[in-house]
Protein backbone atom coordinates (compact mmCIF):
# COMPACT_ATOMS: atom_id res chain seq x y z
CA UNK A 1 91.20 100.03 109.27
CA UNK A 2 87.39 100.61 107.56
CA UNK A 3 89.18 99.57 104.63
CA UNK A 4 90.32 96.34 106.12
CA UNK A 5 86.27 95.72 107.92
CA UNK A 6 87.32 96.75 111.40
CA UNK A 7 85.17 98.70 113.36
CA UNK A 8 86.55 102.28 114.18
CA UNK A 9 86.16 104.68 117.07
CA UNK A 10 87.88 107.55 117.85
CA UNK A 11 88.97 110.31 120.15
CA UNK A 12 88.63 113.50 118.62
CA UNK A 13 87.68 117.41 120.27
CA UNK A 14 86.88 118.07 116.55
CA UNK A 15 86.64 115.25 114.63
CA UNK A 16 84.05 117.01 111.90
CA UNK A 17 87.13 119.21 111.57
CA UNK A 18 89.68 116.78 110.50
CA UNK A 19 87.10 114.09 108.50
CA UNK A 20 85.06 113.84 105.55
CA UNK A 21 81.67 113.35 106.29
CA UNK A 22 81.37 109.68 104.35
CA UNK A 23 84.40 108.38 107.41
CA UNK A 24 82.23 109.96 109.77
CA UNK A 25 78.78 107.96 108.19
CA UNK A 26 81.34 105.11 108.36
CA UNK A 27 82.59 105.17 112.74
CA UNK A 28 81.48 103.08 114.95
CA UNK A 29 81.33 105.84 117.04
CA UNK A 30 83.53 109.18 118.37
CA UNK A 31 84.37 109.71 121.45
CA UNK A 32 84.13 113.70 122.34
CA UNK A 33 87.05 114.91 124.26
CA UNK A 34 87.81 118.42 125.96
CA UNK A 35 91.70 118.09 125.47
CA UNK A 36 94.86 114.98 125.50
CA UNK A 37 94.54 114.78 129.80
CA UNK A 38 90.38 114.84 129.38
CA UNK A 39 90.52 110.84 131.14
CA UNK A 40 86.48 110.45 131.49
CA UNK A 41 87.52 110.37 127.00
CA UNK A 42 90.01 108.03 127.80
CA UNK A 43 88.79 105.80 129.38
CA UNK A 44 85.35 105.67 127.75
CA UNK A 45 86.94 106.00 124.34
CA UNK A 46 89.46 103.12 125.12
CA UNK A 47 86.96 100.92 126.24
CA UNK A 48 85.96 97.35 124.29
CA UNK A 49 88.37 97.49 121.91
CA UNK A 50 91.48 95.32 120.87
CA UNK A 51 94.25 98.04 119.49
CA UNK A 52 94.81 101.86 119.47
CA UNK A 53 96.35 104.03 116.81
CA UNK A 54 97.65 107.07 118.44
CA UNK A 55 97.57 110.06 115.88
CA UNK A 56 98.77 112.70 117.97
CA UNK A 57 100.87 115.64 116.72
CA UNK A 58 104.28 116.43 117.66
CA UNK A 59 104.46 118.73 120.42
CA UNK A 60 106.44 117.47 123.35
CA UNK A 61 102.87 117.54 125.93
CA UNK A 62 101.37 114.93 123.65
CA UNK A 63 104.30 113.02 122.82
CA UNK A 64 104.91 112.74 126.60
CA UNK A 65 102.17 113.42 129.04
CA UNK A 66 98.85 113.18 126.18
CA UNK A 67 100.36 109.67 124.70
CA UNK A 68 101.00 108.80 128.96
CA UNK A 69 98.09 109.33 129.60
CA UNK A 70 96.50 107.45 126.81
CA UNK A 71 99.03 104.64 127.57
CA UNK A 72 97.90 104.26 130.81
CA UNK A 73 93.43 104.07 129.31
CA UNK A 74 94.16 101.83 127.23
CA UNK A 75 96.03 99.56 130.50
CA UNK A 76 92.73 99.92 132.47
CA UNK A 77 90.72 99.02 129.49
CA UNK A 78 93.51 96.00 128.80
CA UNK A 79 94.24 96.92 125.69
CA UNK A 80 97.72 95.33 124.66
CA UNK A 81 98.59 96.86 120.45
CA UNK A 82 99.33 100.19 121.27
CA UNK A 83 100.71 102.15 118.46
CA UNK A 84 102.34 105.33 119.34
CA UNK A 85 102.64 108.26 117.98
CA UNK A 86 106.00 109.02 116.29
CA UNK A 87 106.37 108.66 113.29
CA UNK A 88 109.30 109.81 112.72
CA UNK A 89 113.42 108.66 111.95
CA UNK A 90 115.14 106.91 113.93
CA UNK A 91 116.04 107.95 116.79
CA UNK A 92 116.94 104.89 119.04
CA UNK A 93 120.39 105.27 119.45
CA UNK A 94 120.11 109.45 119.89
CA UNK A 95 120.59 110.50 123.43
CA UNK A 96 118.42 113.13 125.11
CA UNK A 97 119.34 116.27 124.47
CA UNK A 98 120.74 116.08 120.57
CA UNK A 99 117.41 116.80 119.32
CA UNK A 100 114.40 118.37 120.92
CA UNK A 101 111.38 117.46 119.45
CA UNK A 102 112.51 113.85 119.84
CA UNK A 103 113.23 113.84 123.67
CA UNK A 104 110.19 113.03 124.27
CA UNK A 105 110.01 110.07 122.19
CA UNK A 106 112.89 108.27 123.95
CA UNK A 107 111.34 110.16 127.44
CA UNK A 108 108.23 108.17 126.21
CA UNK A 109 109.99 104.14 125.17
CA UNK A 110 111.59 104.52 128.42
CA UNK A 111 109.02 105.47 130.84
CA UNK A 112 106.65 102.79 129.33
CA UNK A 113 109.86 100.16 129.41
CA UNK A 114 110.09 100.92 133.26
CA UNK A 115 106.20 101.46 134.38
CA UNK A 116 103.93 99.74 131.64
CA UNK A 117 103.38 95.54 130.83
CA UNK A 118 101.98 97.86 127.55
CA UNK A 119 105.18 96.79 124.73
CA UNK A 120 103.74 99.71 121.99
CA UNK A 121 105.00 99.43 118.35
CA UNK A 122 106.72 102.53 116.73
CA UNK A 123 106.18 102.99 113.29
CA UNK A 124 109.42 105.12 112.78
CA UNK A 125 109.13 106.09 108.46
CA UNK A 126 111.56 109.45 107.96
CA UNK A 127 109.93 112.23 107.57
CA UNK A 128 106.88 112.89 105.96
CA UNK A 129 106.24 113.99 101.90
CA UNK A 130 103.71 116.37 102.83
CA UNK A 131 106.69 118.03 105.71
CA UNK A 132 109.11 118.13 103.27
CA UNK A 133 106.96 120.23 101.14
CA UNK A 134 105.62 121.98 103.11
CA UNK A 135 102.59 121.83 102.58
CA UNK A 136 99.47 123.29 103.94
CA UNK A 137 99.08 122.58 108.55
CA UNK A 138 102.05 120.26 107.81
CA UNK A 139 104.74 122.46 109.84
CA UNK A 140 105.72 125.28 107.16
CA UNK A 141 109.57 123.49 106.48
CA UNK A 142 110.75 125.93 104.63
CA UNK A 143 113.67 127.50 104.12
CA UNK A 144 112.79 130.43 106.41
CA UNK A 145 112.38 127.42 109.32
CA UNK A 146 115.38 126.20 108.17
CA UNK A 147 114.04 123.68 105.83
CA UNK A 148 114.60 122.77 102.40
CA UNK A 149 111.88 123.27 99.75
CA UNK A 150 111.06 126.66 98.56
CA UNK A 151 107.21 126.14 98.38
CA UNK A 152 106.49 129.72 96.21
CA UNK A 153 109.83 129.71 95.09
CA UNK A 154 110.27 126.28 93.83
CA UNK A 155 113.64 126.57 94.65
CA UNK A 156 115.76 123.59 96.70
CA UNK A 157 118.03 124.83 98.86
CA UNK A 158 120.92 121.80 99.70
CA UNK A 159 123.14 121.44 102.88
CA UNK A 160 126.02 118.73 101.92
CA UNK A 161 126.36 117.12 98.33
CA UNK A 162 122.45 116.31 97.87
CA UNK A 163 123.77 113.33 97.10
CA UNK A 164 122.24 111.75 100.87
CA UNK A 165 120.23 109.89 101.34
CA UNK A 166 116.74 111.56 102.81
CA UNK A 167 114.10 108.52 103.35
CA UNK A 168 110.32 109.70 103.04
CA UNK A 169 106.67 108.31 103.22
CA UNK A 170 103.31 109.84 102.31
CA UNK A 171 100.65 110.09 104.94
CA UNK A 172 98.36 107.72 104.00
CA UNK A 173 100.90 104.74 103.66
CA UNK A 174 101.60 105.42 107.04
CA UNK A 175 98.52 105.39 107.70
CA UNK A 176 98.05 102.02 106.02
CA UNK A 177 101.39 101.05 107.70
CA UNK A 178 100.01 100.93 110.80
CA UNK A 179 96.73 99.28 109.50
CA UNK A 180 98.61 96.35 108.74
CA UNK A 181 100.63 95.68 111.44
CA UNK A 182 97.81 96.07 114.61
CA UNK A 183 96.76 93.16 112.59
CA UNK A 184 99.08 90.91 112.71
CA UNK A 185 98.72 87.82 115.13
CA UNK A 186 102.13 89.40 116.76
CA UNK A 187 100.95 92.70 117.19
CA UNK A 188 100.71 92.49 121.27
CA UNK A 189 104.40 92.12 121.14
CA UNK A 190 104.96 95.84 119.86
CA UNK A 191 108.73 96.43 119.01
CA UNK A 192 110.28 99.16 116.57
CA UNK A 193 108.90 98.71 112.55
CA UNK A 194 110.99 100.86 110.12
CA UNK A 195 109.31 101.99 106.75
CA UNK A 196 109.16 104.65 104.45
CA UNK A 197 107.55 104.94 100.60
CA UNK A 198 110.47 105.85 99.07
CA UNK A 199 114.52 107.01 99.23
CA UNK A 200 115.97 109.28 97.34
CA UNK A 201 118.41 111.73 97.57
CA UNK A 202 117.44 115.63 96.75
CA UNK A 203 119.12 116.31 93.71
CA UNK A 204 116.97 113.25 92.52
CA UNK A 205 113.50 114.59 94.40
CA UNK A 206 114.06 118.19 92.13
CA UNK A 207 114.36 116.18 89.33
CA UNK A 208 111.93 114.56 89.54
CA UNK A 209 109.68 117.34 90.32
CA UNK A 210 110.78 119.22 87.35
CA UNK A 211 109.64 115.67 84.75
CA UNK A 212 106.77 116.35 87.08
CA UNK A 213 105.43 119.84 86.72
CA UNK A 214 107.52 120.51 84.20
CA UNK A 215 109.01 123.64 85.86
CA UNK A 216 112.93 124.15 86.49
CA UNK A 217 113.90 124.05 90.10
CA UNK A 218 116.23 126.48 91.44
CA UNK A 219 118.72 124.23 93.30
CA UNK A 220 121.66 125.89 95.35
CA UNK A 221 124.37 124.12 97.45
CA UNK A 222 124.05 126.40 100.70
CA UNK A 223 126.90 124.37 102.10
CA UNK A 224 128.91 121.26 103.82
CA UNK A 225 128.20 119.37 106.19
CA UNK A 226 130.58 120.54 109.11
CA UNK A 227 129.36 124.43 108.34
CA UNK A 228 125.25 123.19 108.64
CA UNK A 229 125.98 121.38 111.60
CA UNK A 230 128.47 124.63 112.71
CA UNK A 231 125.24 126.68 112.38
CA UNK A 232 121.69 124.59 113.96
CA UNK A 233 124.79 124.60 117.36
CA UNK A 234 125.26 128.17 117.23
CA UNK A 235 121.73 128.81 115.96
CA UNK A 236 120.85 126.71 119.06
CA UNK A 237 123.41 128.38 121.34
CA UNK A 238 121.53 131.56 120.77
CA UNK A 239 117.93 130.20 121.22
CA UNK A 240 116.57 128.93 124.19
CA UNK A 241 114.38 125.07 124.45
CA UNK A 242 111.32 126.10 125.71
CA UNK A 243 111.59 127.87 122.49
CA UNK A 244 112.82 125.10 120.09
CA UNK A 245 110.68 125.24 116.85
CA UNK A 246 113.16 128.46 115.75
CA UNK A 247 116.06 126.59 115.44
CA UNK A 248 115.56 122.89 114.91
CA UNK A 249 114.98 122.19 112.18
CA UNK A 250 118.72 123.29 111.03
CA UNK A 251 119.74 119.78 113.62
CA UNK A 252 116.10 118.04 111.26
CA UNK A 253 118.50 118.73 107.80
CA UNK A 254 121.73 118.02 109.60
CA UNK A 255 121.25 114.33 111.11
CA UNK A 256 119.51 113.18 108.02
CA UNK A 257 122.45 114.36 105.84
CA UNK A 258 125.26 113.06 108.30
CA UNK A 259 123.49 109.79 108.93
CA UNK A 260 122.60 110.15 112.64
CA UNK A 261 119.33 108.70 112.58
CA UNK A 262 119.49 107.24 108.30
CA UNK A 263 116.67 103.86 108.28
CA UNK A 264 119.45 101.59 107.92
CA UNK A 265 117.79 98.37 107.63
CA UNK A 266 113.65 98.97 106.15
CA UNK A 267 111.00 96.76 107.07
CA UNK A 268 108.67 96.65 104.08
CA UNK A 269 109.32 93.11 102.67
CA UNK A 270 107.81 91.98 106.00
CA UNK A 271 105.04 94.19 105.50
CA UNK A 272 104.35 93.70 101.22
CA UNK A 273 102.73 96.76 101.30
CA UNK A 274 102.97 98.43 97.74
CA UNK A 275 103.61 102.42 98.60
CA UNK A 276 103.21 105.53 96.84
CA UNK A 277 106.09 107.18 94.68
CA UNK A 278 107.40 110.59 94.48
CA UNK A 279 105.71 110.80 91.21
CA UNK A 280 102.30 109.67 92.30
CA UNK A 281 103.11 112.19 95.21
CA UNK A 282 102.93 115.25 93.06
CA UNK A 283 100.24 113.44 90.94
CA UNK A 284 97.81 113.39 93.63
CA UNK A 285 99.28 117.03 95.04
CA UNK A 286 98.49 119.29 92.13
CA UNK A 287 99.47 122.27 94.80
CA UNK A 288 102.48 121.00 95.79
């Protein structure tokens, strides 16, 4: 947003821990917050702005409760452009209970349609590249948590054939998508955008990594899609919804490789923005 000449205000608990001194110095202002339920800071931060971009993490209480509180503050401030926090695969065809960490997206969308004049913008981006490669501070989507990439051993675990498409997006590209969308003339109409940096299967990702790093990736086929489905369902039965993080990784993989939430039609051409290639992403992140 700053690069596009806009003034930017943020609401944050500890902005200096997330943003560089250079970025902080260029902000219009910082509204200090004690938490997502700090109504005074939400009201102050939303007053007088033209658009709101929510960058909350994927914790359910933030996605649903926190986001609704932010939306109500936007209503009181008469803000019409609101980018919801989702940055996810396509949950529009899911039902409640299919994927615990996506349930709050569905509940938020439904409740807003019933109760608000604001029409949020939902940007569906597939998996963040930083999450797929299990970079520090991005959820530890490693085999230990039923993810794909083992960053320590440079090993890739594959369920299915390895030829199934994975839509992925860098955090930087996601930010560019949001910044471009909110300045469109019809941004207040809201709706869904399906965008990504790239689409690759896991075998292609392994090959690209090997070329970029000059290292051999250990690829192991773990089983079929149906075997993954049984593993995921059994883990859910053995666990509890209050502790869904212990098994949800299985379902992230399952719904990707079985096509449940694939981004079937992309909107990248509507924006016309350049995106990061997988090779560029790896060059920009030498620690991976």
